[in-house]
Each structure stands twice: as C-alpha cells, then as structure tokens.
Amino acid sequence: MTETPAFEIRITTSETGSILRAPTEREVATKAETLIRRVHARGELVGFSILGPSAAGIGRLKAYLEDMLIEVAQLSI
C-alpha cells in the first residue's frame, strides 16, 4: 500500500513547533492560516517551512503564507 503524497508545513515559534499535513494545498493552507493567526495573536514570532509533492504547489503555499503573515502583522499595528 502506498501513501498519498501530502503537503507538509512546519510552523515554529519561540515556544513551540507544529507539523501540519494534508493531501491538498488548500487543506494544508487552511490549517496553517488558522494556527498562524492564533499564534500571532499571542504575540509570538512565526517561522515556517514547506514540503510537498510539487515545486509549484510549494511556491504557491509559500507566497500565500508570506502574504498572510504581512496581513496579520499590519492588523496588529
């Protein structure tokens, strides 16, 4: 039996680390956004790394999460 390729986002802060996995970009992006917004609301800095079955998908996720981090930073000003 083979595993379905999945996207993985590792989110790290000064306090914790989380690994989020999902079979699609949309699902993993939704999970990551929820977690990043919650962590950012606590005032923690957020870092992330992305793994996945396609370079294009990784690039889209990276761009999305970078834009979302800018948005949450601007909302807290």
C-alpha atoms as a PDB file:
ATOM      1  CA  MET A   1       0.000   0.000   0.000  1.00  0.00           C
ATOM      2  CA  THR A   2       1.405   3.418  -0.929  1.00  0.00           C
ATOM      3  CA  GLU A   3       0.776   6.685   0.852  1.00  0.00           C
ATOM      4  CA  THR A   4      -0.883   9.570  -0.936  1.00  0.00           C
ATOM      5  CA  PRO A   5       1.658  12.394  -1.386  1.00  0.00           C
ATOM      6  CA  ALA A   6       0.906  15.143   1.081  1.00  0.00           C
ATOM      7  CA  PHE A   7       1.904  18.719   1.687  1.00  0.00           C
ATOM      8  CA  GLU A   8       3.564  19.441   4.997  1.00  0.00           C
ATOM      9  CA  ILE A   9       4.042  22.789   6.714  1.00  0.00           C
ATOM     10  CA  ARG A  10       6.232  23.057   9.796  1.00  0.00           C
ATOM     11  CA  ILE A  11       5.410  26.097  11.886  1.00  0.00           C
ATOM     12  CA  THR A  12       7.830  27.164  14.598  1.00  0.00           C
ATOM     13  CA  THR A  13       7.722  29.838  17.260  1.00  0.00           C
ATOM     14  CA  SER A  14       9.918  30.614  20.228  1.00  0.00           C
ATOM     15  CA  GLU A  15       7.575  28.458  22.328  1.00  0.00           C
ATOM     16  CA  THR A  16       6.570  25.520  20.152  1.00  0.00           C
ATOM     17  CA  GLY A  17       6.629  23.728  16.827  1.00  0.00           C
ATOM     18  CA  SER A  18       3.835  22.120  14.855  1.00  0.00           C
ATOM     19  CA  ILE A  19       3.700  19.880  11.802  1.00  0.00           C
ATOM     20  CA  LEU A  20       0.600  20.180   9.642  1.00  0.00           C
ATOM     21  CA  ARG A  21      -0.137  17.710   6.842  1.00  0.00           C
ATOM     22  CA  ALA A  22      -2.894  17.451   4.256  1.00  0.00           C
ATOM     23  CA  PRO A  23      -3.294  15.912   0.805  1.00  0.00           C
ATOM     24  CA  THR A  24      -4.085  19.228  -0.902  1.00  0.00           C
ATOM     25  CA  GLU A  25      -2.645  22.731  -0.901  1.00  0.00           C
ATOM     26  CA  ARG A  26      -5.982  24.213   0.149  1.00  0.00           C
ATOM     27  CA  GLU A  27      -6.373  21.956   3.169  1.00  0.00           C
ATOM     28  CA  VAL A  28      -2.852  22.487   4.483  1.00  0.00           C
ATOM     29  CA  ALA A  29      -3.076  26.254   3.833  1.00  0.00           C
ATOM     30  CA  THR A  30      -6.296  26.466   5.843  1.00  0.00           C
ATOM     31  CA  LYS A  31      -4.734  24.584   8.753  1.00  0.00           C
ATOM     32  CA  ALA A  32      -1.608  26.756   8.626  1.00  0.00           C
ATOM     33  CA  GLU A  33      -3.540  30.014   8.449  1.00  0.00           C
ATOM     34  CA  THR A  34      -5.651  29.080  11.467  1.00  0.00           C
ATOM     35  CA  LEU A  35      -2.587  28.177  13.516  1.00  0.00           C
ATOM     36  CA  ILE A  36      -0.521  31.190  12.425  1.00  0.00           C
ATOM     37  CA  ARG A  37      -3.327  33.625  13.255  1.00  0.00           C
ATOM     38  CA  ARG A  38      -3.748  32.050  16.703  1.00  0.00           C
ATOM     39  CA  VAL A  39      -0.002  32.126  17.427  1.00  0.00           C
ATOM     40  CA  HIS A  40       0.391  35.669  16.120  1.00  0.00           C
ATOM     41  CA  ALA A  41      -2.483  36.827  18.344  1.00  0.00           C
ATOM     42  CA  ARG A  42      -0.411  35.667  21.328  1.00  0.00           C
ATOM     43  CA  GLY A  43       2.397  37.946  20.142  1.00  0.00           C
ATOM     44  CA  GLU A  44       4.789  35.194  19.057  1.00  0.00           C
ATOM     45  CA  LEU A  45       7.025  35.408  16.007  1.00  0.00           C
ATOM     46  CA  VAL A  46       6.288  32.730  13.414  1.00  0.00           C
ATOM     47  CA  GLY A  47       8.533  30.832  11.026  1.00  0.00           C
ATOM     48  CA  PHE A  48       7.555  28.116   8.581  1.00  0.00           C
ATOM     49  CA  SER A  49       8.919  25.610   6.106  1.00  0.00           C
ATOM     50  CA  ILE A  50       7.037  23.684   3.442  1.00  0.00           C
ATOM     51  CA  LEU A  51       7.481  20.247   1.885  1.00  0.00           C
ATOM     52  CA  GLY A  52       5.313  18.714  -0.790  1.00  0.00           C
ATOM     53  CA  PRO A  53       4.981  16.657  -3.933  1.00  0.00           C
ATOM     54  CA  SER A  54       5.265  19.615  -6.336  1.00  0.00           C
ATOM     55  CA  ALA A  55       7.560  22.628  -6.502  1.00  0.00           C
ATOM     56  CA  ALA A  56       4.741  24.741  -7.944  1.00  0.00           C
ATOM     57  CA  GLY A  57       2.464  23.883  -5.030  1.00  0.00           C
ATOM     58  CA  ILE A  58       5.193  24.673  -2.524  1.00  0.00           C
ATOM     59  CA  GLY A  59       5.753  28.026  -4.234  1.00  0.00           C
ATOM     60  CA  ARG A  60       2.051  28.894  -4.095  1.00  0.00           C
ATOM     61  CA  LEU A  61       1.843  27.956  -0.421  1.00  0.00           C
ATOM     62  CA  LYS A  62       4.955  29.992   0.390  1.00  0.00           C
ATOM     63  CA  ALA A  63       3.571  33.081  -1.353  1.00  0.00           C
ATOM     64  CA  TYR A  64       0.179  32.674   0.335  1.00  0.00           C
ATOM     65  CA  LEU A  65       1.632  32.288   3.834  1.00  0.00           C
ATOM     66  CA  GLU A  66       4.052  35.191   3.358  1.00  0.00           C
ATOM     67  CA  ASP A  67       1.161  37.446   2.286  1.00  0.00           C
ATOM     68  CA  MET A  68      -0.916  36.252   5.220  1.00  0.00           C
ATOM     69  CA  LEU A  69       1.925  36.999   7.673  1.00  0.00           C
ATOM     70  CA  ILE A  70       2.189  40.528   6.272  1.00  0.00           C
ATOM     71  CA  GLU A  71      -1.567  40.951   6.695  1.00  0.00           C
ATOM     72  CA  VAL A  72      -1.608  39.818  10.339  1.00  0.00           C
ATOM     73  CA  ALA A  73       1.402  41.999  11.125  1.00  0.00           C
ATOM     74  CA  GLN A  74      -0.337  45.056   9.650  1.00  0.00           C
ATOM     75  CA  LEU A  75      -3.523  44.318  11.583  1.00  0.00           C
ATOM     76  CA  SER A  76      -1.603  44.358  14.851  1.00  0.00           C
ATOM     77  CA  ILE A  77      -0.105  47.817  14.265  1.00  0.00           C
END
